Amino acid sequence: MMWAVTGWAIGIWLKCTAALAAAVAACWWLLGTDSGWFFIACAAAVLAEIYLTDQLRKEWAHEARGSWWWAP
């Protein structure tokens, strides 16, 4: 059960990270590094990654507490 809970959390994290990396790459391709908007997009991607990771950690902890392997 532990790996089922951990597996979906890692899978979602990888998908979100890949989507953010693709968005930053698209901004780099469209705007170039000379644009201030590119750096704003990078900062937004970093903040989104921090927020998504924190929310995923909370959801993982909630699911883990409800499973048998976390119980005392």
C-alpha atoms as a PDB file:
ATOM      1  CA  MET A   1       0.000   0.000   0.000  1.00  0.00           C
ATOM      2  CA  MET A   2       2.872   2.359   0.754  1.00  0.00           C
ATOM      3  CA  TRP A   3       4.174   2.225  -2.799  1.00  0.00           C
ATOM      4  CA  ALA A   4       0.687   2.743  -4.226  1.00  0.00           C
ATOM      5  CA  VAL A   5       0.322   5.989  -2.286  1.00  0.00           C
ATOM      6  CA  THR A   6       3.885   7.082  -2.991  1.00  0.00           C
ATOM      7  CA  GLY A   7       3.723   6.003  -6.644  1.00  0.00           C
ATOM      8  CA  TRP A   8       0.808   8.231  -7.599  1.00  0.00           C
ATOM      9  CA  ALA A   9       2.379  11.171  -5.743  1.00  0.00           C
ATOM     10  CA  ILE A  10       5.649  10.786  -7.633  1.00  0.00           C
ATOM     11  CA  GLY A  11       3.796  10.338 -10.918  1.00  0.00           C
ATOM     12  CA  ILE A  12       1.769  13.519 -10.468  1.00  0.00           C
ATOM     13  CA  TRP A  13       4.862  15.442  -9.379  1.00  0.00           C
ATOM     14  CA  LEU A  14       6.758  14.325 -12.481  1.00  0.00           C
ATOM     15  CA  LYS A  15       3.861  15.302 -14.758  1.00  0.00           C
ATOM     16  CA  CYS A  16       3.561  18.745 -13.164  1.00  0.00           C
ATOM     17  CA  THR A  17       7.315  19.328 -13.326  1.00  0.00           C
ATOM     18  CA  ALA A  18       7.414  18.270 -16.987  1.00  0.00           C
ATOM     19  CA  ALA A  19       4.508  20.592 -17.815  1.00  0.00           C
ATOM     20  CA  LEU A  20       6.200  23.540 -16.104  1.00  0.00           C
ATOM     21  CA  ALA A  21       9.491  22.776 -17.874  1.00  0.00           C
ATOM     22  CA  ALA A  22       7.656  22.659 -21.203  1.00  0.00           C
ATOM     23  CA  ALA A  23       6.004  26.000 -20.452  1.00  0.00           C
ATOM     24  CA  VAL A  24       9.357  27.603 -19.620  1.00  0.00           C
ATOM     25  CA  ALA A  25      10.889  26.107 -22.775  1.00  0.00           C
ATOM     26  CA  ALA A  26       8.027  27.515 -24.853  1.00  0.00           C
ATOM     27  CA  CYS A  27       8.544  30.949 -23.308  1.00  0.00           C
ATOM     28  CA  TRP A  28      12.259  30.709 -24.027  1.00  0.00           C
ATOM     29  CA  TRP A  29      11.544  29.763 -27.636  1.00  0.00           C
ATOM     30  CA  LEU A  30       8.926  32.488 -28.147  1.00  0.00           C
ATOM     31  CA  LEU A  31      10.414  35.317 -26.117  1.00  0.00           C
ATOM     32  CA  GLY A  32      14.134  34.597 -25.856  1.00  0.00           C
ATOM     33  CA  THR A  33      16.240  35.372 -22.834  1.00  0.00           C
ATOM     34  CA  ASP A  34      16.431  39.073 -23.632  1.00  0.00           C
ATOM     35  CA  SER A  35      12.797  39.576 -22.662  1.00  0.00           C
ATOM     36  CA  GLY A  36      11.843  40.462 -19.123  1.00  0.00           C
ATOM     37  CA  TRP A  37       8.723  38.350 -19.590  1.00  0.00           C
ATOM     38  CA  PHE A  38      10.885  35.246 -19.856  1.00  0.00           C
ATOM     39  CA  PHE A  39      12.296  35.827 -16.375  1.00  0.00           C
ATOM     40  CA  ILE A  40       8.815  36.503 -15.033  1.00  0.00           C
ATOM     41  CA  ALA A  41       7.696  33.189 -16.547  1.00  0.00           C
ATOM     42  CA  CYS A  42      10.665  31.419 -14.915  1.00  0.00           C
ATOM     43  CA  ALA A  43       9.864  32.944 -11.538  1.00  0.00           C
ATOM     44  CA  ALA A  44       6.201  31.976 -11.921  1.00  0.00           C
ATOM     45  CA  ALA A  45       7.223  28.414 -12.780  1.00  0.00           C
ATOM     46  CA  VAL A  46       9.413  28.212  -9.676  1.00  0.00           C
ATOM     47  CA  LEU A  47       6.609  29.518  -7.466  1.00  0.00           C
ATOM     48  CA  ALA A  48       4.138  27.111  -9.071  1.00  0.00           C
ATOM     49  CA  GLU A  49       6.529  24.204  -8.487  1.00  0.00           C
ATOM     50  CA  ILE A  50       6.909  25.129  -4.821  1.00  0.00           C
ATOM     51  CA  TYR A  51       3.140  25.465  -4.375  1.00  0.00           C
ATOM     52  CA  LEU A  52       2.329  22.230  -6.212  1.00  0.00           C
ATOM     53  CA  THR A  53       4.982  20.285  -4.317  1.00  0.00           C
ATOM     54  CA  ASP A  54       3.649  21.536  -0.995  1.00  0.00           C
ATOM     55  CA  GLN A  55       0.062  20.659  -1.899  1.00  0.00           C
ATOM     56  CA  LEU A  56       1.131  17.231  -3.114  1.00  0.00           C
ATOM     57  CA  ARG A  57       3.067  16.651   0.108  1.00  0.00           C
ATOM     58  CA  LYS A  58      -0.031  17.481   2.143  1.00  0.00           C
ATOM     59  CA  GLU A  59      -2.192  15.154   0.049  1.00  0.00           C
ATOM     60  CA  TRP A  60       0.386  12.362   0.293  1.00  0.00           C
ATOM     61  CA  ALA A  61       0.558  12.724   4.081  1.00  0.00           C
ATOM     62  CA  HIS A  62      -3.233  12.629   4.320  1.00  0.00           C
ATOM     63  CA  GLU A  63      -3.410   9.459   2.220  1.00  0.00           C
ATOM     64  CA  ALA A  64      -0.495   7.874   4.078  1.00  0.00           C
ATOM     65  CA  ARG A  65      -2.108   8.440   7.472  1.00  0.00           C
ATOM     66  CA  GLY A  66      -5.218   6.629   6.288  1.00  0.00           C
ATOM     67  CA  SER A  67      -3.343   3.559   5.150  1.00  0.00           C
ATOM     68  CA  TRP A  68      -2.219   0.642   7.252  1.00  0.00           C
ATOM     69  CA  TRP A  69       1.513   1.249   6.989  1.00  0.00           C
ATOM     70  CA  TRP A  70       1.403   4.619   8.738  1.00  0.00           C
ATOM     71  CA  ALA A  71      -0.856   3.451  11.592  1.00  0.00           C
ATOM     72  CA  PRO A  72       0.826   2.881  14.973  1.00  0.00           C
END
